[in-house]
Amino acid sequence: MPLAAAPRPLLPLWAAVLVSAAGGAILDLAYPSVGWWPLAFVGVTLSLIALIGRSVWGALLVGFVFGAVFFLIHIMWITRYLGVVPWFALAGLETIFMAAGSIPLALAYRWMPRLFPGRWVQLIGLPLLVAGLWTARELFMGSWPYTGFPWARLGMSQSESPLAHLASWTGVAGLSFVMVAFTAAAIEWARAGEFRRLATLIPVASLAVLLLLVPAFPTTPAGTLRVGSAQGNGPSGYFDERTRNAVLNAQLEASAPLLGEELDVLLWPEGGIDSDPLENESTASILDSLSERAGAPLIVNAATTRGDDTFNTSMLWVAGEGAVQLHDKTNPVPMGEYVPDRWFFEALAPDLIGLIQREYTPGTNPPYFDLDGVGVGLAICFDVIYDAVIWDGAHDGAQVYMFQTNNADFRGTDENLQQLAFARMRAIETGRSVVNLSTVGTSQVIAPDGSTIDGLPSDEAGHMLTEVQLRTGLTPAVIAGPAIQALLGWGSVLALVALGLGVQVMRRRDAKTPAPEGTGVS
């Protein structure tokens, strides 16, 4: 049987470019602050339709347009303090990756129908391969260069949708995969045009059932914890003008109403202390006094120095004992909390890079505190976007998560709510409550099902006193998350390579096969 002809594009190139641009803008609307989660499927649909039948260069172009429109809108919050150069730099880098990752998607649409032209391969195999390659692109972008930027994964758009519960089984990567597989299967069903054959709806219907009807994996209740938390709303931005201990004093003032209440722990946000309490005796004395007056240990955060290294450090602080446990941020933010290859980037933009004076060292201690027998999982600010940090806390025994963050550099932007969506998805993914506390808001306590049970608005000082549920038991997402990512990512890439080799073999076979006599072919 000869190799089937390559499929023709569904759209002319000019129309595909316009459709891709619309798809990027629509996809952004699925994320906070707008948060119209069904539009994620519309954005993916437009992106895939533009890629079907495209050449390599055509796929690169439409993927570039899709990525540029999406990222320039989605991370516009970067301009809040640093201007347009970092915005264009990060959006441009992510756009290049998005464009390059569109080529394998286009190749899947070209190669699979040629090698396996059967109807069921089109309805089942092709959507699964496309979804795997989309997920592989997300995983690559979330891990490279440096620590990557896994900020805009498709699954994270569903933090407030009824589909989010699937993440407790598959993780965020698995949710992205199922969403794209459903979308691609619906496209193929429509392209097949066999609407009267109900059997052709089985792939789409099965994925819809998986998305809509699979309940969250049940974790086991293990009591409650009374958590006090304070949002000081102090001048905690990198470029904020402040007096000595202004942030510390703001946190103390916000915590005052909690003193005298029954607490199991008092939580402060990232950067809630202006000086290093491990070195500054005056600051340490203030924390001792606060812990004693609260009648509970503190979980606080500050920049600390040990030897020649500086860390972004969370501390479990007990009156009279000081910092009894430490966790240093695992993934400091490139170009924010440190400058990788500073010599290179200073040569490109010396004035801009010169603004970033801090050089945090990545931490190696576990994202976990033992709080009088209660396991507390941790993630400091952007560490919430890294799966491994969250899963490590669960494996260590976390019964609740406490995320400390500082959104002051992005006041009035979507960054705050986008990061909060990550926190909500982590609650669902792990089956754990999450206390997400910011210096300036929005701060929330989130139940294991993703619902909000307490909160503080942005740009206001305040406090919460919340009876937080504890849970035990690991979800399938936590247990099998790395294996799921490896299977979806590397598995789909290997499948595409096998397809490409198969097409080449068939081409060579067809080239060597003489034409039948009497066909007029010479």
Protein backbone atom coordinates (compact mmCIF):
# COMPACT_ATOMS: atom_id res chain seq x y z
CA MET A 1 0.00 0.00 0.00
CA PRO A 2 1.57 3.33 -1.07
CA LEU A 3 2.11 6.19 1.33
CA ALA A 4 -0.99 8.37 1.55
CA ALA A 5 -0.88 11.94 0.31
CA ALA A 6 -0.03 14.68 2.80
CA PRO A 7 -3.12 16.49 4.18
CA ARG A 8 -3.86 19.94 2.84
CA PRO A 9 -4.04 22.93 5.22
CA LEU A 10 -7.49 23.74 6.52
CA LEU A 11 -6.77 27.46 6.17
CA PRO A 12 -4.66 29.57 3.82
CA LEU A 13 -1.58 30.90 5.58
CA TRP A 14 -2.88 34.45 5.92
CA ALA A 15 -6.06 33.18 7.59
CA ALA A 16 -4.09 30.80 9.82
CA VAL A 17 -2.01 33.74 11.08
CA LEU A 18 -5.15 35.70 11.96
CA VAL A 19 -6.75 32.68 13.61
CA SER A 20 -3.58 32.06 15.63
CA ALA A 21 -3.52 35.65 16.84
CA ALA A 22 -7.16 35.37 17.91
CA GLY A 23 -6.42 32.05 19.62
CA GLY A 24 -3.60 33.55 21.69
CA ALA A 25 -5.76 36.43 22.89
CA ILE A 26 -8.71 34.17 23.67
CA LEU A 27 -6.55 31.68 25.56
CA ASP A 28 -5.34 34.45 27.88
CA LEU A 29 -8.95 35.21 28.84
CA ALA A 30 -9.21 31.72 30.37
CA TYR A 31 -6.71 32.73 33.09
CA PRO A 32 -7.18 35.27 35.90
CA SER A 33 -8.02 38.05 36.17
CA VAL A 34 -10.78 37.37 33.61
CA GLY A 35 -10.86 33.63 34.31
CA TRP A 36 -13.40 32.48 31.69
CA TRP A 37 -12.06 28.93 31.79
CA PRO A 38 -14.10 27.47 28.85
CA LEU A 39 -12.21 29.82 26.53
CA ALA A 40 -9.11 27.66 27.03
CA PHE A 41 -10.72 25.13 24.70
CA VAL A 42 -11.49 27.83 22.13
CA GLY A 43 -7.91 29.09 22.19
CA VAL A 44 -6.50 25.58 21.76
CA THR A 45 -8.97 24.84 18.95
CA LEU A 46 -7.90 27.91 16.99
CA SER A 47 -4.23 27.10 17.53
CA LEU A 48 -4.60 23.51 16.27
CA ILE A 49 -6.78 24.40 13.29
CA ALA A 50 -4.12 26.85 12.14
CA LEU A 51 -1.45 24.10 12.30
CA ILE A 52 -3.23 21.32 10.42
CA GLY A 53 -1.54 20.68 7.07
CA ARG A 54 1.13 23.35 7.60
CA SER A 55 4.71 23.07 6.42
CA VAL A 56 7.55 23.42 8.91
CA TRP A 57 7.99 27.11 8.15
CA GLY A 58 4.26 27.71 8.14
CA ALA A 59 3.94 26.02 11.55
CA LEU A 60 6.80 28.14 12.86
CA LEU A 61 5.03 31.31 11.75
CA VAL A 62 1.57 30.56 13.09
CA GLY A 63 3.05 29.17 16.33
CA PHE A 64 5.10 32.35 16.71
CA VAL A 65 2.03 34.55 16.26
CA PHE A 66 -0.02 32.45 18.69
CA GLY A 67 2.72 32.52 21.33
CA ALA A 68 3.55 36.22 20.90
CA VAL A 69 -0.05 37.39 21.30
CA PHE A 70 -0.65 35.10 24.27
CA PHE A 71 2.51 35.85 26.23
CA LEU A 72 2.60 39.58 25.56
CA ILE A 73 -0.86 39.83 27.11
CA HIS A 74 -0.47 37.16 29.77
CA ILE A 75 2.68 38.47 31.45
CA MET A 76 2.16 42.19 30.89
CA TRP A 77 2.44 42.53 34.67
CA ILE A 78 6.24 42.36 34.32
CA THR A 79 6.19 45.98 33.10
CA ARG A 80 4.83 47.21 36.46
CA TYR A 81 8.27 48.19 37.73
CA LEU A 82 10.88 47.04 35.24
CA GLY A 83 9.41 48.41 32.01
CA VAL A 84 9.13 46.87 28.58
CA VAL A 85 12.59 45.35 28.11
CA PRO A 86 12.17 42.39 30.53
CA TRP A 87 8.60 41.96 29.30
CA PHE A 88 9.68 41.67 25.68
CA ALA A 89 12.66 39.52 26.63
CA LEU A 90 10.67 36.90 28.57
CA ALA A 91 7.64 36.98 26.26
CA GLY A 92 9.98 36.75 23.28
CA LEU A 93 11.84 33.75 24.68
CA GLU A 94 8.61 31.93 25.49
CA THR A 95 7.26 32.81 22.04
CA ILE A 96 10.30 31.25 20.37
CA PHE A 97 9.76 28.06 22.36
CA MET A 98 6.05 28.09 21.54
CA ALA A 99 6.84 28.50 17.83
CA ALA A 100 9.49 25.76 17.80
CA GLY A 101 7.13 23.47 19.70
CA SER A 102 4.46 24.03 17.05
CA ILE A 103 6.57 22.24 14.45
CA PRO A 104 6.16 18.77 16.04
CA LEU A 105 2.40 19.37 16.25
CA ALA A 106 2.27 20.17 12.54
CA LEU A 107 4.41 17.14 11.75
CA ALA A 108 2.04 14.91 13.71
CA TYR A 109 -0.85 16.22 11.61
CA ARG A 110 1.15 15.52 8.42
CA TRP A 111 2.74 12.19 9.23
CA MET A 112 0.15 10.16 11.10
CA PRO A 113 -2.58 10.34 8.41
CA ARG A 114 0.00 9.39 5.78
CA LEU A 115 1.30 6.36 7.64
CA PHE A 116 -1.99 5.31 9.25
CA PRO A 117 -4.87 6.64 7.14
CA GLY A 118 -7.56 4.68 9.01
CA ARG A 119 -10.54 6.48 10.52
CA TRP A 120 -9.99 5.30 14.11
CA VAL A 121 -6.36 6.31 14.10
CA GLN A 122 -7.54 9.76 13.06
CA LEU A 123 -10.17 9.87 15.81
CA ILE A 124 -8.07 8.38 18.63
CA GLY A 125 -4.37 8.09 17.86
CA LEU A 126 -3.86 11.52 16.31
CA PRO A 127 -5.54 13.50 19.14
CA LEU A 128 -3.53 11.60 21.76
CA LEU A 129 -0.26 12.28 19.96
CA VAL A 130 -1.09 15.97 19.49
CA ALA A 131 -2.01 16.27 23.18
CA GLY A 132 1.22 14.57 24.20
CA LEU A 133 3.31 16.91 22.07
CA TRP A 134 1.51 19.96 23.44
CA THR A 135 2.23 18.70 26.96
CA ALA A 136 5.86 17.99 26.07
CA ARG A 137 6.21 21.60 24.92
CA GLU A 138 4.81 22.81 28.24
CA LEU A 139 7.18 20.59 30.21
CA PHE A 140 10.19 21.82 28.25
CA MET A 141 9.22 25.47 28.69
CA GLY A 142 8.72 24.83 32.39
CA SER A 143 12.21 23.49 32.95
CA TRP A 144 14.63 25.31 30.60
CA PRO A 145 16.59 27.55 30.50
CA TYR A 146 17.80 27.76 34.06
CA THR A 147 14.72 26.63 36.04
CA GLY A 148 12.26 27.40 33.25
CA PHE A 149 8.99 29.33 33.41
CA PRO A 150 6.06 26.95 33.97
CA TRP A 151 3.70 29.87 34.49
CA ALA A 152 1.14 29.48 31.70
CA ARG A 153 0.43 25.76 31.55
CA LEU A 154 -2.97 25.04 30.09
CA GLY A 155 -4.17 23.03 33.08
CA MET A 156 -3.64 26.01 35.36
CA SER A 157 -6.39 27.89 33.52
CA GLN A 158 -8.90 25.52 35.12
CA SER A 159 -8.28 26.32 38.80
CA GLU A 160 -11.88 27.48 39.28
CA SER A 161 -13.54 25.14 36.81
CA PRO A 162 -15.27 21.80 37.46
CA LEU A 163 -12.47 20.14 35.49
CA ALA A 164 -9.78 20.96 38.06
CA HIS A 165 -10.48 17.82 40.12
CA LEU A 166 -8.86 15.69 37.43
CA ALA A 167 -5.52 17.19 38.49
CA SER A 168 -5.64 15.14 41.71
CA TRP A 169 -5.31 12.04 39.51
CA THR A 170 -3.03 13.23 36.72
CA GLY A 171 -1.32 16.40 37.94
CA VAL A 172 -1.42 19.65 36.00
CA ALA A 173 0.48 18.11 33.08
CA GLY A 174 -2.09 15.34 32.82
CA LEU A 175 -4.93 17.85 32.91
CA SER A 176 -3.32 19.80 30.06
CA PHE A 177 -3.00 16.55 28.13
CA VAL A 178 -6.66 15.55 28.54
CA MET A 179 -7.86 19.06 27.64
CA VAL A 180 -5.87 19.11 24.40
CA ALA A 181 -6.79 15.50 23.59
CA PHE A 182 -10.49 16.36 23.95
CA THR A 183 -10.11 19.46 21.77
CA ALA A 184 -8.11 17.64 19.09
CA ALA A 185 -10.55 14.71 19.12
CA ALA A 186 -13.49 17.10 18.62
CA ILE A 187 -11.68 18.69 15.67
CA GLU A 188 -11.01 15.30 14.08
CA TRP A 189 -14.62 14.19 14.60
CA ALA A 190 -15.80 17.34 12.85
CA ARG A 191 -13.27 16.84 10.04
CA ALA A 192 -14.38 13.24 9.54
CA GLY A 193 -17.92 14.46 8.90
CA GLU A 194 -19.54 11.15 9.85
CA PHE A 195 -22.07 12.76 12.17
CA ARG A 196 -24.69 10.01 11.79
CA ARG A 197 -22.30 7.29 12.97
CA LEU A 198 -22.64 7.59 16.72
CA ALA A 199 -19.67 5.30 17.25
CA THR A 200 -17.35 8.03 15.96
CA LEU A 201 -18.35 10.15 18.95
CA ILE A 202 -16.91 7.62 21.44
CA PRO A 203 -13.42 9.18 21.71
CA VAL A 204 -14.77 12.70 22.26
CA ALA A 205 -17.47 11.51 24.65
CA SER A 206 -15.01 9.41 26.66
CA LEU A 207 -12.68 12.35 27.15
CA ALA A 208 -15.61 14.59 28.08
CA VAL A 209 -16.69 12.09 30.75
CA LEU A 210 -13.13 11.97 32.04
CA LEU A 211 -13.01 15.77 32.30
CA LEU A 212 -16.46 16.33 33.78
CA LEU A 213 -17.37 13.31 35.87
CA VAL A 214 -14.18 12.05 37.50
CA PRO A 215 -14.31 13.20 41.16
CA ALA A 216 -11.32 14.44 43.08
CA PHE A 217 -9.21 11.71 44.63
CA PRO A 218 -10.23 11.44 48.30
CA THR A 219 -7.64 12.17 50.97
CA THR A 220 -8.22 11.35 54.64
CA PRO A 221 -9.27 13.98 57.24
CA ALA A 222 -6.73 14.23 60.07
CA GLY A 223 -8.08 16.96 62.35
CA THR A 224 -7.64 20.71 62.14
CA LEU A 225 -5.04 23.40 62.81
CA ARG A 226 -5.80 26.92 64.07
CA VAL A 227 -3.76 29.17 61.82
CA GLY A 228 -3.38 32.88 62.41
CA SER A 229 -2.00 34.82 59.47
CA ALA A 230 -1.16 38.49 59.03
CA GLN A 231 -1.01 40.57 55.84
CA GLY A 232 0.86 43.73 56.81
CA ASN A 233 0.57 45.64 53.51
CA GLY A 234 3.91 47.26 54.26
CA PRO A 235 6.35 48.83 51.78
CA SER A 236 7.72 45.46 50.71
CA GLY A 237 8.34 46.07 47.02
CA TYR A 238 11.90 45.90 45.73
CA PHE A 239 11.91 49.59 44.85
CA ASP A 240 9.63 50.83 47.66
CA GLU A 241 10.97 53.61 49.83
CA ARG A 242 10.99 52.52 53.43
CA THR A 243 12.37 53.27 56.84
CA ARG A 244 14.26 50.70 58.91
CA ASN A 245 11.99 47.80 59.95
CA ALA A 246 8.97 49.34 58.19
CA VAL A 247 7.82 45.96 56.87
CA LEU A 248 8.43 44.24 60.21
CA ASN A 249 6.42 46.90 62.03
CA ALA A 250 3.57 46.60 59.52
CA GLN A 251 3.46 42.85 60.15
CA LEU A 252 3.49 43.34 63.92
CA GLU A 253 0.61 45.80 63.69
CA ALA A 254 -1.45 43.44 61.52
CA SER A 255 -0.75 40.58 63.94
CA ALA A 256 -1.80 42.49 67.07
CA PRO A 257 -5.50 41.46 66.95
CA LEU A 258 -4.45 37.79 66.96
CA LEU A 259 -2.58 38.05 70.25
CA GLY A 260 -4.66 36.52 73.01
CA GLU A 261 -6.46 34.22 70.56
CA GLU A 262 -5.95 30.47 70.65
CA LEU A 263 -3.40 29.70 67.94
CA ASP A 264 -1.45 26.68 66.80
CA VAL A 265 0.82 28.76 64.54
CA LEU A 266 1.17 32.36 63.37
CA LEU A 267 2.09 32.72 59.69
CA TRP A 268 3.77 35.71 58.04
CA PRO A 269 4.35 36.21 54.31
CA GLU A 270 7.53 36.18 52.27
CA GLY A 271 9.74 39.16 53.08
CA GLY A 272 7.75 40.00 56.21
CA ILE A 273 10.99 40.81 58.03
CA ASP A 274 13.40 43.49 56.81
CA SER A 275 16.54 42.13 58.51
CA ASP A 276 18.13 38.74 59.08
CA PRO A 277 16.91 37.40 62.44
CA LEU A 278 19.65 34.77 62.36
CA GLU A 279 22.22 37.59 62.58
CA ASN A 280 20.29 40.52 64.08
CA GLU A 281 19.74 40.05 67.82
CA SER A 282 17.19 42.86 68.01
CA THR A 283 15.00 41.27 65.32
CA ALA A 284 15.37 37.85 66.95
CA SER A 285 14.25 39.34 70.27
CA ILE A 286 11.15 40.82 68.63
CA LEU A 287 10.22 37.44 67.13
CA ASP A 288 10.80 35.72 70.50
CA SER A 289 8.46 38.19 72.14
CA LEU A 290 5.83 37.81 69.44
CA SER A 291 5.91 34.00 69.65
CA GLU A 292 5.62 34.17 73.44
CA ARG A 293 2.70 36.61 73.35
CA ALA A 294 0.94 34.59 70.65
CA GLY A 295 1.46 31.38 72.61
CA ALA A 296 2.42 29.66 69.37
CA PRO A 297 5.39 29.17 67.05
CA LEU A 298 5.83 31.45 64.05
CA ILE A 299 6.43 30.66 60.40
CA VAL A 300 8.22 33.73 59.05
CA ASN A 301 10.45 34.64 56.12
CA ALA A 302 13.47 36.85 55.52
CA ALA A 303 16.64 37.08 53.49
CA THR A 304 19.36 35.28 55.45
CA THR A 305 23.11 34.96 55.06
CA ARG A 306 25.17 31.90 55.88
CA GLY A 307 28.81 32.08 54.94
CA ASP A 308 29.11 33.64 51.50
CA ASP A 309 25.58 32.67 50.45
CA THR A 310 22.31 34.57 50.72
CA PHE A 311 19.02 32.69 50.84
CA ASN A 312 15.31 33.44 50.71
CA THR A 313 14.48 31.63 53.93
CA SER A 314 11.36 30.48 55.73
CA MET A 315 11.83 29.80 59.43
CA LEU A 316 9.89 27.95 62.08
CA TRP A 317 10.50 30.23 65.05
CA VAL A 318 9.86 29.23 68.67
CA ALA A 319 10.14 31.64 71.60
CA GLY A 320 13.43 31.17 73.43
CA GLU A 321 14.73 28.73 70.84
CA GLY A 322 14.86 30.85 67.71
CA ALA A 323 14.74 29.30 64.24
CA VAL A 324 14.37 25.60 64.94
CA GLN A 325 13.80 24.65 61.28
CA LEU A 326 14.74 26.36 58.01
CA HIS A 327 13.65 26.07 54.40
CA ASP A 328 15.45 28.04 51.69
CA LYS A 329 13.68 28.80 48.43
CA THR A 330 14.46 26.01 45.99
CA ASN A 331 14.16 27.99 42.75
CA PRO A 332 15.14 31.66 43.07
CA VAL A 333 13.71 33.65 40.17
CA PRO A 334 16.20 34.27 37.34
CA MET A 335 16.54 38.00 36.62
CA GLY A 336 14.58 38.74 39.79
CA GLU A 337 16.28 37.09 42.74
CA TYR A 338 19.57 36.41 41.01
CA VAL A 339 21.16 37.00 37.62
CA PRO A 340 22.44 33.85 35.93
CA ASP A 341 25.50 34.43 33.77
CA ARG A 342 25.55 38.02 35.00
CA TRP A 343 28.65 38.86 32.93
CA PHE A 344 26.73 38.08 29.74
CA PHE A 345 23.51 39.93 30.53
CA GLU A 346 25.32 42.96 31.96
CA ALA A 347 27.07 43.28 28.62
CA LEU A 348 23.64 43.41 26.92
CA ALA A 349 21.76 45.66 29.37
CA PRO A 350 24.09 46.99 32.08
CA ASP A 351 21.70 49.58 33.51
CA LEU A 352 18.81 47.15 33.82
CA ILE A 353 20.85 44.26 35.23
CA GLY A 354 22.52 46.69 37.62
CA LEU A 355 19.15 47.21 39.32
CA ILE A 356 19.14 43.57 40.45
CA GLN A 357 21.62 43.59 43.33
CA ARG A 358 20.47 40.51 45.21
CA GLU A 359 21.96 37.11 44.44
CA TYR A 360 19.99 34.39 46.19
CA THR A 361 21.43 30.89 46.30
CA PRO A 362 19.08 27.94 45.58
CA GLY A 363 18.14 26.05 48.72
CA THR A 364 18.64 22.34 49.21
CA ASN A 365 16.72 21.73 52.44
CA PRO A 366 13.22 20.17 52.25
CA PRO A 367 10.10 22.31 51.68
CA TYR A 368 8.64 20.97 54.91
CA PHE A 369 8.31 21.81 58.61
CA ASP A 370 7.35 19.48 61.45
CA LEU A 371 5.01 21.65 63.53
CA ASP A 372 4.55 19.73 66.78
CA GLY A 373 3.74 16.58 64.83
CA VAL A 374 1.78 18.30 62.06
CA GLY A 375 3.47 18.23 58.64
CA VAL A 376 3.50 21.61 56.89
CA GLY A 377 4.42 21.77 53.19
CA LEU A 378 6.05 24.99 52.00
CA ALA A 379 6.52 26.96 48.81
CA ILE A 380 8.01 30.44 48.77
CA CYS A 381 6.41 32.71 46.16
CA PHE A 382 7.16 31.46 42.62
CA ASP A 383 8.19 28.05 43.96
CA VAL A 384 4.46 27.28 43.90
CA ILE A 385 4.71 26.86 40.11
CA TYR A 386 7.24 24.01 40.34
CA ASP A 387 5.66 20.55 40.68
CA ALA A 388 8.66 18.96 42.40
CA VAL A 389 8.59 21.43 45.31
CA ILE A 390 4.93 20.65 46.01
CA TRP A 391 5.31 16.89 45.58
CA ASP A 392 8.39 16.80 47.81
CA GLY A 393 6.42 18.42 50.62
CA ALA A 394 3.66 15.83 50.27
CA HIS A 395 6.12 12.94 50.25
CA ASP A 396 7.77 14.34 53.39
CA GLY A 397 4.43 14.19 55.19
CA ALA A 398 2.68 17.53 54.63
CA GLN A 399 -0.86 17.58 55.98
CA VAL A 400 -1.38 21.23 55.02
CA TYR A 401 0.47 23.72 52.82
CA MET A 402 1.53 27.25 53.73
CA PHE A 403 2.63 29.38 50.80
CA GLN A 404 4.42 32.63 51.59
CA THR A 405 4.61 35.23 48.87
CA ASN A 406 5.30 38.90 48.22
CA ASN A 407 3.33 40.44 45.36
CA ALA A 408 4.28 44.05 46.18
CA ASP A 409 6.30 44.48 43.00
CA PHE A 410 3.18 43.68 40.97
CA ARG A 411 0.48 45.67 42.74
CA GLY A 412 -2.55 46.30 40.58
CA THR A 413 -1.71 43.60 37.99
CA ASP A 414 -2.96 40.12 37.13
CA GLU A 415 0.17 38.49 38.61
CA ASN A 416 -1.39 38.31 42.06
CA LEU A 417 -4.49 36.40 40.92
CA GLN A 418 -2.58 34.21 38.47
CA GLN A 419 -0.33 33.05 41.30
CA LEU A 420 -3.36 32.52 43.54
CA ALA A 421 -4.75 30.22 40.85
CA PHE A 422 -1.62 28.10 41.20
CA ALA A 423 -2.20 27.87 44.94
CA ARG A 424 -5.80 26.77 44.38
CA MET A 425 -4.76 24.11 41.89
CA ARG A 426 -2.14 22.82 44.33
CA ALA A 427 -4.82 22.33 46.96
CA ILE A 428 -6.86 20.23 44.54
CA GLU A 429 -3.86 18.37 43.15
CA THR A 430 -2.61 17.27 46.58
CA GLY A 431 -5.94 17.03 48.43
CA ARG A 432 -4.60 19.45 51.07
CA SER A 433 -5.68 22.79 52.48
CA VAL A 434 -3.53 25.74 51.46
CA VAL A 435 -2.89 28.99 53.33
CA ASN A 436 -1.63 31.40 50.67
CA LEU A 437 -0.35 34.54 52.40
CA SER A 438 0.97 37.66 50.67
CA THR A 439 2.54 40.79 52.08
CA VAL A 440 0.01 42.91 50.17
CA GLY A 441 -2.65 40.39 49.05
CA THR A 442 -4.64 38.74 47.76
CA SER A 443 -4.34 36.23 50.63
CA GLN A 444 -6.66 33.24 50.97
CA VAL A 445 -7.19 30.00 52.85
CA ILE A 446 -8.21 27.32 50.36
CA ALA A 447 -9.89 24.02 51.19
CA PRO A 448 -8.74 20.70 49.67
CA ASP A 449 -11.53 20.91 47.09
CA GLY A 450 -10.32 24.32 45.91
CA SER A 451 -13.04 26.38 47.58
CA THR A 452 -12.09 29.57 49.43
CA ILE A 453 -12.83 29.47 53.18
CA ASP A 454 -11.13 32.72 54.26
CA GLY A 455 -9.47 35.65 52.60
CA LEU A 456 -8.06 39.16 52.70
CA PRO A 457 -8.36 41.70 49.86
CA SER A 458 -5.31 43.19 48.21
CA ASP A 459 -3.70 46.43 49.34
CA GLU A 460 -5.19 46.27 52.82
CA ALA A 461 -3.61 45.29 56.12
CA GLY A 462 -5.48 42.54 57.93
CA HIS A 463 -5.42 39.17 59.59
CA MET A 464 -7.14 35.78 59.43
CA LEU A 465 -7.79 33.21 62.13
CA THR A 466 -8.84 30.02 60.42
CA GLU A 467 -9.58 26.45 61.46
CA VAL A 468 -7.74 24.71 58.67
CA GLN A 469 -8.43 21.09 57.72
CA LEU A 470 -5.55 18.62 57.86
CA ARG A 471 -5.38 15.68 55.46
CA THR A 472 -3.26 12.56 55.00
CA GLY A 473 -2.86 10.18 52.07
CA LEU A 474 -1.15 10.83 48.77
CA THR A 475 -3.07 11.49 45.57
CA PRO A 476 -2.17 9.66 42.35
CA ALA A 477 -0.87 12.98 41.02
CA VAL A 478 1.74 13.12 43.78
CA ILE A 479 2.65 9.42 43.58
CA ALA A 480 2.81 9.08 39.80
CA GLY A 481 3.38 12.69 38.73
CA PRO A 482 6.98 12.27 37.51
CA ALA A 483 6.10 9.08 35.63
CA ILE A 484 3.06 10.73 34.02
CA GLN A 485 5.21 13.63 32.85
CA ALA A 486 7.89 11.32 31.47
CA LEU A 487 5.30 9.21 29.65
CA LEU A 488 3.46 12.16 28.14
CA GLY A 489 6.57 14.18 27.33
CA TRP A 490 9.22 11.72 26.18
CA GLY A 491 6.67 9.15 25.07
CA SER A 492 5.02 11.53 22.60
CA VAL A 493 8.39 12.76 21.29
CA LEU A 494 9.55 9.18 20.69
CA ALA A 495 6.24 8.37 19.01
CA LEU A 496 6.70 11.32 16.65
CA VAL A 497 10.25 10.22 15.84
CA ALA A 498 8.96 6.73 15.07
CA LEU A 499 6.32 8.22 12.78
CA GLY A 500 8.94 10.25 10.95
CA LEU A 501 11.13 7.20 10.44
CA GLY A 502 8.12 5.25 9.21
CA VAL A 503 7.27 7.92 6.65
CA GLN A 504 10.86 7.95 5.39
CA VAL A 505 10.89 4.16 5.04
CA MET A 506 7.61 4.26 3.11
CA ARG A 507 8.89 7.02 0.83
CA ARG A 508 12.00 5.02 -0.03
CA ARG A 509 9.95 1.87 -0.61
CA ASP A 510 7.54 3.74 -2.92
CA ALA A 511 10.49 5.28 -4.78
CA LYS A 512 11.96 1.83 -5.45
CA THR A 513 8.66 0.25 -6.44
CA PRO A 514 8.19 0.31 -10.25
CA ALA A 515 4.94 1.66 -11.56
CA PRO A 516 2.48 -1.00 -12.82
CA GLU A 517 2.53 -1.60 -16.59
CA GLY A 518 -0.07 0.24 -18.58
CA THR A 519 -0.40 3.16 -16.18
CA GLY A 520 1.45 5.56 -18.47
CA VAL A 521 3.84 6.48 -15.69
CA SER A 522 7.50 6.62 -16.65
